[in-house]
């Protein structure tokens, strides 16, 4: 039997304790990992994804989703989900309770967001996408409005939060 600390990856003791109390024992077989993105960061989910295990990632924003949606075998669960929904998702081991996006980005906004996540500046984004800088600024502004961030600094802080 694998210990809970090998299955639940979190720096939040309350998060870990709650899952320990509620989690079905069959999940302690080592076939999956539960990662608290809020306390561990997005990079930790990417590291865990390399182990080819099913990952349940507890996320708290669309920024987390868009930063990690390219990973395989990751089920996204909203940290604010009802306990019964979380238990059902964990015990049935499938993703019918996937994270529900609050904001749907257009294809262009998605491209701009992924370029920003890579650390590209507006000139580099324009060159990569084949558009002028004003179009990049407009897409970034729409992205800020949709994601409800007040300014560019808040946008960049949410994007680079690891």
N, C-alpha and C. Protein backbone atom coordinates (compact mmCIF):
# COMPACT_ATOMS: atom_id res chain seq x y z
N UNK A 1 0.85 -1.18 0.00
CA UNK A 1 0.00 0.00 0.00
C UNK A 1 0.89 1.24 0.00
N UNK A 2 0.57 2.17 -0.83
CA UNK A 2 1.32 3.42 -0.94
C UNK A 2 0.74 4.43 0.05
N UNK A 3 1.63 5.24 0.62
CA UNK A 3 1.15 6.23 1.59
C UNK A 3 0.47 7.39 0.89
N UNK A 4 -0.34 8.09 1.65
CA UNK A 4 -1.08 9.24 1.13
C UNK A 4 -0.15 10.32 0.61
N UNK A 5 0.99 10.52 1.27
CA UNK A 5 1.91 11.57 0.84
C UNK A 5 2.52 11.29 -0.52
N UNK A 6 2.47 10.05 -0.97
CA UNK A 6 2.97 9.71 -2.29
C UNK A 6 1.89 9.88 -3.36
N UNK A 7 0.65 10.02 -2.95
CA UNK A 7 -0.46 10.17 -3.89
C UNK A 7 -0.93 11.62 -3.96
N UNK A 8 -1.03 12.28 -2.82
CA UNK A 8 -1.49 13.67 -2.76
C UNK A 8 -0.28 14.58 -2.64
N UNK A 9 -0.13 15.46 -3.62
CA UNK A 9 1.01 16.38 -3.64
C UNK A 9 0.49 17.77 -3.37
N UNK A 10 0.75 18.24 -2.15
CA UNK A 10 0.25 19.55 -1.73
C UNK A 10 1.05 20.05 -0.54
N UNK A 11 1.21 21.36 -0.45
CA UNK A 11 1.81 21.99 0.73
C UNK A 11 0.74 22.47 1.69
N UNK A 12 -0.52 22.29 1.33
CA UNK A 12 -1.64 22.73 2.16
C UNK A 12 -2.08 21.55 3.03
N UNK A 13 -1.78 21.62 4.33
CA UNK A 13 -2.08 20.49 5.22
C UNK A 13 -3.59 20.24 5.33
N UNK A 14 -4.41 21.28 5.21
CA UNK A 14 -5.86 21.09 5.28
C UNK A 14 -6.37 20.36 4.05
N UNK A 15 -5.82 20.69 2.89
CA UNK A 15 -6.17 20.01 1.64
C UNK A 15 -5.84 18.53 1.75
N UNK A 16 -4.63 18.23 2.21
CA UNK A 16 -4.18 16.84 2.34
C UNK A 16 -5.01 16.08 3.36
N UNK A 17 -5.28 16.69 4.49
CA UNK A 17 -6.07 16.05 5.54
C UNK A 17 -7.49 15.76 5.06
N UNK A 18 -8.09 16.71 4.36
CA UNK A 18 -9.45 16.50 3.84
C UNK A 18 -9.49 15.33 2.87
N UNK A 19 -8.52 15.26 1.97
CA UNK A 19 -8.49 14.15 1.02
C UNK A 19 -8.20 12.83 1.73
N UNK A 20 -7.34 12.86 2.72
CA UNK A 20 -7.03 11.63 3.47
C UNK A 20 -8.28 11.09 4.13
N UNK A 21 -9.10 11.98 4.67
CA UNK A 21 -10.32 11.58 5.36
C UNK A 21 -11.36 11.05 4.39
N UNK A 22 -11.44 11.64 3.21
CA UNK A 22 -12.53 11.34 2.29
C UNK A 22 -12.18 10.37 1.17
N UNK A 23 -10.92 10.22 0.87
CA UNK A 23 -10.51 9.51 -0.34
C UNK A 23 -10.71 8.00 -0.23
N UNK A 24 -11.26 7.40 -1.29
CA UNK A 24 -11.40 5.94 -1.32
C UNK A 24 -10.02 5.28 -1.27
N UNK A 25 -9.90 4.19 -0.52
CA UNK A 25 -8.61 3.53 -0.36
C UNK A 25 -8.08 2.94 -1.67
N UNK A 26 -8.96 2.67 -2.62
CA UNK A 26 -8.48 2.09 -3.88
C UNK A 26 -7.62 3.07 -4.68
N UNK A 27 -7.68 4.36 -4.33
CA UNK A 27 -6.82 5.32 -5.02
C UNK A 27 -5.38 5.28 -4.51
N UNK A 28 -5.16 4.59 -3.41
CA UNK A 28 -3.82 4.52 -2.86
C UNK A 28 -2.99 3.41 -3.50
N UNK A 29 -3.34 3.02 -4.71
CA UNK A 29 -2.60 1.97 -5.40
C UNK A 29 -1.44 2.51 -6.23
N UNK A 30 -1.27 3.82 -6.27
CA UNK A 30 -0.16 4.41 -6.99
C UNK A 30 -0.40 4.65 -8.47
N UNK A 31 -1.60 4.35 -8.95
CA UNK A 31 -1.90 4.53 -10.37
C UNK A 31 -2.23 5.98 -10.72
N UNK A 32 -2.47 6.79 -9.70
CA UNK A 32 -2.81 8.19 -9.97
C UNK A 32 -2.13 9.10 -8.95
N UNK A 33 -2.07 10.36 -9.29
CA UNK A 33 -1.55 11.39 -8.40
C UNK A 33 -2.57 12.50 -8.30
N UNK A 34 -2.66 13.10 -7.14
CA UNK A 34 -3.54 14.24 -6.92
C UNK A 34 -2.65 15.43 -6.60
N UNK A 35 -2.74 16.47 -7.43
CA UNK A 35 -1.86 17.63 -7.27
C UNK A 35 -2.69 18.87 -6.99
N UNK A 36 -2.32 19.57 -5.95
CA UNK A 36 -2.93 20.85 -5.60
C UNK A 36 -2.12 21.94 -6.29
N UNK A 37 -2.64 22.45 -7.39
CA UNK A 37 -1.91 23.43 -8.19
C UNK A 37 -1.71 24.74 -7.43
N UNK A 38 -2.66 25.08 -6.59
CA UNK A 38 -2.56 26.34 -5.85
C UNK A 38 -1.33 26.36 -4.94
N UNK A 39 -1.05 25.26 -4.26
CA UNK A 39 0.08 25.25 -3.33
C UNK A 39 1.38 24.73 -3.96
N UNK A 40 1.27 23.93 -5.01
CA UNK A 40 2.47 23.32 -5.59
C UNK A 40 2.92 23.98 -6.89
N UNK A 41 2.01 24.61 -7.60
CA UNK A 41 2.37 25.27 -8.84
C UNK A 41 2.16 24.40 -10.07
N UNK A 42 2.08 25.07 -11.20
CA UNK A 42 1.83 24.39 -12.47
C UNK A 42 2.99 23.51 -12.88
N UNK A 43 4.20 23.93 -12.55
CA UNK A 43 5.38 23.18 -12.94
C UNK A 43 5.36 21.78 -12.34
N UNK A 44 4.84 21.66 -11.14
CA UNK A 44 4.78 20.36 -10.47
C UNK A 44 3.84 19.41 -11.21
N UNK A 45 2.76 19.93 -11.76
CA UNK A 45 1.84 19.09 -12.54
C UNK A 45 2.56 18.58 -13.79
N UNK A 46 3.33 19.46 -14.43
CA UNK A 46 4.07 19.05 -15.62
C UNK A 46 5.11 17.97 -15.28
N UNK A 47 5.75 18.10 -14.12
CA UNK A 47 6.72 17.08 -13.69
C UNK A 47 6.02 15.75 -13.44
N UNK A 48 4.86 15.79 -12.81
CA UNK A 48 4.11 14.57 -12.51
C UNK A 48 3.59 13.92 -13.79
N UNK A 49 3.25 14.71 -14.78
CA UNK A 49 2.72 14.18 -16.04
C UNK A 49 3.76 13.32 -16.75
N UNK A 50 5.02 13.56 -16.48
CA UNK A 50 6.09 12.78 -17.10
C UNK A 50 6.13 11.34 -16.59
N UNK A 51 5.45 11.06 -15.47
CA UNK A 51 5.46 9.71 -14.89
C UNK A 51 4.39 8.80 -15.49
N UNK A 52 3.65 9.29 -16.46
CA UNK A 52 2.61 8.50 -17.14
C UNK A 52 1.57 7.92 -16.19
N UNK A 53 1.19 8.69 -15.19
CA UNK A 53 0.11 8.30 -14.28
C UNK A 53 -1.06 9.24 -14.52
N UNK A 54 -2.22 8.78 -14.16
CA UNK A 54 -3.41 9.63 -14.20
C UNK A 54 -3.23 10.72 -13.14
N UNK A 55 -3.47 11.96 -13.53
CA UNK A 55 -3.29 13.08 -12.60
C UNK A 55 -4.61 13.80 -12.43
N UNK A 56 -4.98 14.01 -11.18
CA UNK A 56 -6.12 14.85 -10.84
C UNK A 56 -5.54 16.16 -10.34
N UNK A 57 -5.70 17.21 -11.13
CA UNK A 57 -5.13 18.52 -10.78
C UNK A 57 -6.24 19.43 -10.27
N UNK A 58 -6.12 19.85 -9.03
CA UNK A 58 -7.07 20.79 -8.45
C UNK A 58 -6.61 22.20 -8.79
N UNK A 59 -7.40 22.89 -9.62
CA UNK A 59 -7.02 24.22 -10.08
C UNK A 59 -8.04 25.25 -9.60
N UNK A 60 -7.63 26.52 -9.65
CA UNK A 60 -8.52 27.56 -9.14
C UNK A 60 -8.80 28.66 -10.15
N UNK A 61 -8.30 28.54 -11.38
CA UNK A 61 -8.59 29.60 -12.35
C UNK A 61 -8.44 29.08 -13.78
N UNK A 62 -9.00 29.83 -14.70
CA UNK A 62 -8.85 29.51 -16.11
C UNK A 62 -7.40 29.63 -16.55
N UNK A 63 -6.62 30.50 -15.90
CA UNK A 63 -5.20 30.61 -16.23
C UNK A 63 -4.50 29.28 -16.01
N UNK A 64 -4.82 28.60 -14.91
CA UNK A 64 -4.24 27.28 -14.64
C UNK A 64 -4.64 26.29 -15.73
N UNK A 65 -5.91 26.31 -16.10
CA UNK A 65 -6.39 25.39 -17.13
C UNK A 65 -5.66 25.62 -18.45
N UNK A 66 -5.63 26.86 -18.91
CA UNK A 66 -5.00 27.14 -20.20
C UNK A 66 -3.50 26.87 -20.19
N UNK A 67 -2.85 26.97 -19.03
CA UNK A 67 -1.42 26.69 -18.95
C UNK A 67 -1.13 25.19 -18.99
N UNK A 68 -2.11 24.37 -18.59
CA UNK A 68 -1.86 22.93 -18.46
C UNK A 68 -2.69 22.06 -19.39
N UNK A 69 -3.58 22.65 -20.18
CA UNK A 69 -4.52 21.85 -20.97
C UNK A 69 -3.84 21.00 -22.05
N UNK A 70 -2.59 21.28 -22.36
CA UNK A 70 -1.88 20.51 -23.37
C UNK A 70 -1.39 19.15 -22.85
N UNK A 71 -1.47 18.93 -21.55
CA UNK A 71 -0.98 17.69 -20.95
C UNK A 71 -1.99 16.56 -21.09
N UNK A 72 -1.49 15.36 -21.33
CA UNK A 72 -2.34 14.17 -21.41
C UNK A 72 -2.54 13.59 -20.01
N UNK A 73 -3.58 12.81 -19.85
CA UNK A 73 -3.88 12.11 -18.59
C UNK A 73 -4.06 13.02 -17.39
N UNK A 74 -4.51 14.25 -17.62
CA UNK A 74 -4.77 15.17 -16.52
C UNK A 74 -6.25 15.49 -16.49
N UNK A 75 -6.86 15.27 -15.33
CA UNK A 75 -8.25 15.64 -15.10
C UNK A 75 -8.22 16.88 -14.22
N UNK A 76 -8.85 17.94 -14.69
CA UNK A 76 -8.87 19.20 -13.95
C UNK A 76 -10.13 19.25 -13.09
N UNK A 77 -9.93 19.57 -11.82
CA UNK A 77 -11.04 19.68 -10.87
C UNK A 77 -10.96 21.06 -10.23
N UNK A 78 -12.08 21.74 -10.21
CA UNK A 78 -12.13 23.06 -9.57
C UNK A 78 -11.99 22.89 -8.07
N UNK A 79 -11.11 23.68 -7.46
CA UNK A 79 -10.91 23.61 -6.01
C UNK A 79 -12.19 23.93 -5.25
N UNK A 80 -13.12 24.63 -5.90
CA UNK A 80 -14.36 25.03 -5.23
C UNK A 80 -15.49 24.03 -5.48
N UNK A 81 -15.18 22.90 -6.08
CA UNK A 81 -16.21 21.90 -6.37
C UNK A 81 -16.80 21.33 -5.09
N UNK A 82 -18.03 20.88 -5.21
CA UNK A 82 -18.71 20.21 -4.11
C UNK A 82 -17.97 18.92 -3.77
N UNK A 83 -17.91 18.58 -2.51
CA UNK A 83 -17.18 17.40 -2.05
C UNK A 83 -17.69 16.13 -2.72
N UNK A 84 -19.00 16.01 -2.86
CA UNK A 84 -19.56 14.81 -3.49
C UNK A 84 -19.12 14.68 -4.95
N UNK A 85 -19.04 15.81 -5.66
CA UNK A 85 -18.57 15.77 -7.05
C UNK A 85 -17.11 15.33 -7.12
N UNK A 86 -16.30 15.86 -6.21
CA UNK A 86 -14.89 15.49 -6.19
C UNK A 86 -14.73 14.00 -5.91
N UNK A 87 -15.44 13.50 -4.91
CA UNK A 87 -15.35 12.08 -4.57
C UNK A 87 -15.81 11.19 -5.71
N UNK A 88 -16.88 11.60 -6.37
CA UNK A 88 -17.38 10.84 -7.52
C UNK A 88 -16.34 10.81 -8.63
N UNK A 89 -15.74 11.94 -8.89
CA UNK A 89 -14.72 12.03 -9.94
C UNK A 89 -13.51 11.17 -9.59
N UNK A 90 -13.05 11.24 -8.35
CA UNK A 90 -11.89 10.46 -7.93
C UNK A 90 -12.18 8.96 -7.91
N UNK A 91 -13.35 8.58 -7.43
CA UNK A 91 -13.64 7.15 -7.29
C UNK A 91 -13.97 6.47 -8.61
N UNK A 92 -14.58 7.20 -9.54
CA UNK A 92 -14.90 6.59 -10.84
C UNK A 92 -13.74 6.71 -11.81
N UNK A 93 -12.74 7.52 -11.46
CA UNK A 93 -11.50 7.62 -12.23
C UNK A 93 -11.72 8.03 -13.69
N UNK A 94 -12.66 8.91 -13.92
CA UNK A 94 -12.77 9.47 -15.27
C UNK A 94 -13.17 10.93 -15.19
N UNK A 95 -13.13 11.59 -16.32
CA UNK A 95 -13.15 13.05 -16.33
C UNK A 95 -14.50 13.67 -16.70
N UNK A 96 -15.59 13.04 -16.36
CA UNK A 96 -16.88 13.65 -16.73
C UNK A 96 -17.13 14.93 -15.94
N UNK A 97 -16.37 15.14 -14.89
CA UNK A 97 -16.52 16.38 -14.11
C UNK A 97 -15.38 17.34 -14.40
N UNK A 98 -14.92 17.34 -15.63
CA UNK A 98 -13.83 18.24 -16.00
C UNK A 98 -14.11 19.66 -15.56
N UNK A 99 -13.05 20.38 -15.36
CA UNK A 99 -13.14 21.79 -14.98
C UNK A 99 -13.99 22.54 -16.01
N UNK A 100 -14.92 23.32 -15.53
CA UNK A 100 -15.79 24.09 -16.43
C UNK A 100 -15.19 25.48 -16.61
N UNK A 101 -14.78 25.74 -17.83
CA UNK A 101 -14.18 27.05 -18.13
C UNK A 101 -15.18 28.16 -17.90
N UNK A 102 -14.72 29.20 -17.27
CA UNK A 102 -15.55 30.38 -17.09
C UNK A 102 -15.46 31.29 -18.30
N UNK A 103 -14.32 31.21 -19.00
CA UNK A 103 -14.05 32.07 -20.14
C UNK A 103 -13.58 31.22 -21.31
N UNK A 104 -14.26 31.34 -22.43
CA UNK A 104 -13.86 30.66 -23.65
C UNK A 104 -13.09 31.65 -24.51
N UNK A 105 -11.86 31.30 -24.83
CA UNK A 105 -11.02 32.19 -25.63
C UNK A 105 -11.17 31.87 -27.12
N UNK A 106 -11.07 32.92 -27.93
CA UNK A 106 -11.04 32.70 -29.37
C UNK A 106 -9.70 32.05 -29.73
N UNK A 107 -9.60 31.54 -30.93
CA UNK A 107 -8.37 30.90 -31.37
C UNK A 107 -7.20 31.87 -31.29
N UNK A 108 -7.41 33.10 -31.75
CA UNK A 108 -6.36 34.11 -31.74
C UNK A 108 -5.94 34.46 -30.31
N UNK A 109 -6.91 34.62 -29.42
CA UNK A 109 -6.60 34.91 -28.01
C UNK A 109 -5.83 33.75 -27.38
N UNK A 110 -6.19 32.54 -27.76
CA UNK A 110 -5.46 31.37 -27.26
C UNK A 110 -4.02 31.35 -27.72
N UNK A 111 -3.81 31.71 -28.99
CA UNK A 111 -2.44 31.80 -29.51
C UNK A 111 -1.64 32.86 -28.77
N UNK A 112 -2.26 34.03 -28.57
CA UNK A 112 -1.56 35.11 -27.86
C UNK A 112 -1.24 34.68 -26.43
N UNK A 113 -2.19 34.03 -25.76
CA UNK A 113 -1.94 33.57 -24.40
C UNK A 113 -0.80 32.56 -24.35
N UNK A 114 -0.78 31.61 -25.27
CA UNK A 114 0.31 30.62 -25.26
C UNK A 114 1.65 31.28 -25.55
N UNK A 115 1.67 32.28 -26.41
CA UNK A 115 2.92 33.01 -26.67
C UNK A 115 3.36 33.79 -25.44
N UNK A 116 2.42 34.40 -24.74
CA UNK A 116 2.75 35.11 -23.50
C UNK A 116 3.29 34.14 -22.45
N UNK A 117 2.72 32.93 -22.41
CA UNK A 117 3.20 31.92 -21.46
C UNK A 117 4.63 31.49 -21.78
N UNK A 118 5.00 31.57 -23.05
CA UNK A 118 6.37 31.25 -23.45
C UNK A 118 7.33 32.40 -23.17
N UNK A 119 6.79 33.55 -22.80
CA UNK A 119 7.64 34.70 -22.48
C UNK A 119 7.96 35.60 -23.65
N UNK A 120 7.22 35.47 -24.74
CA UNK A 120 7.47 36.31 -25.91
C UNK A 120 6.92 37.71 -25.69
N UNK A 121 7.59 38.71 -26.27
CA UNK A 121 7.06 40.08 -26.20
C UNK A 121 6.14 40.32 -27.39
N UNK A 122 5.51 41.49 -27.42
CA UNK A 122 4.49 41.75 -28.45
C UNK A 122 5.07 41.70 -29.86
N UNK A 123 6.29 42.17 -30.05
CA UNK A 123 6.91 42.13 -31.38
C UNK A 123 7.10 40.68 -31.81
N UNK A 124 7.61 39.84 -30.92
CA UNK A 124 7.85 38.43 -31.24
C UNK A 124 6.53 37.69 -31.49
N UNK A 125 5.51 38.03 -30.73
CA UNK A 125 4.19 37.41 -30.94
C UNK A 125 3.66 37.79 -32.32
N UNK A 126 3.77 39.07 -32.66
CA UNK A 126 3.33 39.52 -33.98
C UNK A 126 4.04 38.80 -35.10
N UNK A 127 5.35 38.63 -34.96
CA UNK A 127 6.13 37.92 -35.99
C UNK A 127 5.71 36.46 -36.09
N UNK A 128 5.53 35.82 -34.95
CA UNK A 128 5.16 34.41 -34.95
C UNK A 128 3.78 34.19 -35.57
N UNK A 129 2.83 35.07 -35.23
CA UNK A 129 1.46 34.90 -35.72
C UNK A 129 1.23 35.57 -37.07
N UNK A 130 2.19 36.35 -37.53
CA UNK A 130 2.05 37.02 -38.82
C UNK A 130 1.05 38.16 -38.79
N UNK A 131 0.98 38.87 -37.67
CA UNK A 131 0.07 40.02 -37.54
C UNK A 131 0.86 41.22 -37.05
N UNK A 132 0.27 42.40 -37.20
CA UNK A 132 0.97 43.58 -36.71
C UNK A 132 0.81 43.72 -35.19
N UNK A 133 1.61 44.58 -34.61
CA UNK A 133 1.64 44.74 -33.15
C UNK A 133 0.31 45.23 -32.61
N UNK A 134 -0.39 46.06 -33.38
CA UNK A 134 -1.69 46.56 -32.91
C UNK A 134 -2.69 45.42 -32.73
N UNK A 135 -2.63 44.43 -33.60
CA UNK A 135 -3.51 43.26 -33.46
C UNK A 135 -3.17 42.47 -32.20
N UNK A 136 -1.89 42.37 -31.90
CA UNK A 136 -1.46 41.68 -30.68
C UNK A 136 -1.97 42.44 -29.46
N UNK A 137 -1.82 43.78 -29.48
CA UNK A 137 -2.33 44.61 -28.37
C UNK A 137 -3.84 44.42 -28.20
N UNK A 138 -4.56 44.40 -29.31
CA UNK A 138 -6.02 44.24 -29.25
C UNK A 138 -6.40 42.87 -28.68
N UNK A 139 -5.69 41.83 -29.10
CA UNK A 139 -5.97 40.49 -28.58
C UNK A 139 -5.63 40.40 -27.10
N UNK A 140 -4.54 41.04 -26.70
CA UNK A 140 -4.16 41.04 -25.28
C UNK A 140 -5.20 41.78 -24.45
N UNK A 141 -5.72 42.89 -24.98
CA UNK A 141 -6.75 43.66 -24.27
C UNK A 141 -8.03 42.83 -24.12
N UNK A 142 -8.45 42.15 -25.19
CA UNK A 142 -9.63 41.28 -25.10
C UNK A 142 -9.40 40.15 -24.10
N UNK A 143 -8.20 39.62 -24.09
CA UNK A 143 -7.83 38.58 -23.13
C UNK A 143 -7.93 39.10 -21.70
N UNK A 144 -7.43 40.31 -21.46
CA UNK A 144 -7.51 40.92 -20.13
C UNK A 144 -8.95 41.13 -19.71
N UNK A 145 -9.78 41.60 -20.65
CA UNK A 145 -11.19 41.84 -20.33
C UNK A 145 -11.92 40.53 -20.04
N UNK A 146 -11.69 39.51 -20.85
CA UNK A 146 -12.36 38.23 -20.64
C UNK A 146 -11.94 37.57 -19.32
N UNK A 147 -10.65 37.65 -19.02
CA UNK A 147 -10.13 37.02 -17.81
C UNK A 147 -10.32 37.89 -16.57
N UNK A 148 -10.87 39.07 -16.78
CA UNK A 148 -11.20 40.01 -15.71
C UNK A 148 -9.99 40.37 -14.85
N UNK A 149 -8.91 40.73 -15.54
CA UNK A 149 -7.75 41.26 -14.84
C UNK A 149 -7.68 42.75 -15.12
N UNK A 150 -7.24 43.51 -14.15
CA UNK A 150 -7.29 44.96 -14.23
C UNK A 150 -6.29 45.59 -15.17
N UNK A 151 -5.10 45.01 -15.28
CA UNK A 151 -4.07 45.62 -16.11
C UNK A 151 -3.08 44.56 -16.58
N UNK A 152 -2.11 45.02 -17.38
CA UNK A 152 -1.13 44.08 -17.94
C UNK A 152 -0.31 43.38 -16.86
N UNK A 153 0.02 44.12 -15.82
CA UNK A 153 0.84 43.54 -14.75
C UNK A 153 0.11 42.36 -14.11
N UNK A 154 -1.18 42.54 -13.82
CA UNK A 154 -1.98 41.43 -13.26
C UNK A 154 -2.05 40.26 -14.24
N UNK A 155 -2.20 40.58 -15.52
CA UNK A 155 -2.25 39.53 -16.54
C UNK A 155 -0.96 38.73 -16.53
N UNK A 156 0.17 39.41 -16.57
CA UNK A 156 1.46 38.72 -16.60
C UNK A 156 1.72 37.95 -15.31
N UNK A 157 1.29 38.49 -14.18
CA UNK A 157 1.47 37.77 -12.91
C UNK A 157 0.68 36.47 -12.90
N UNK A 158 -0.53 36.50 -13.45
CA UNK A 158 -1.34 35.27 -13.53
C UNK A 158 -0.75 34.28 -14.52
N UNK A 159 -0.17 34.78 -15.59
CA UNK A 159 0.39 33.90 -16.61
C UNK A 159 1.65 33.20 -16.10
N UNK A 160 2.53 33.94 -15.44
CA UNK A 160 3.81 33.36 -15.04
C UNK A 160 3.76 32.68 -13.68
N UNK A 161 2.64 32.74 -13.00
CA UNK A 161 2.53 32.08 -11.69
C UNK A 161 2.80 30.60 -11.88
N UNK A 162 3.85 30.14 -11.30
CA UNK A 162 4.24 28.74 -11.45
C UNK A 162 3.78 27.96 -10.25
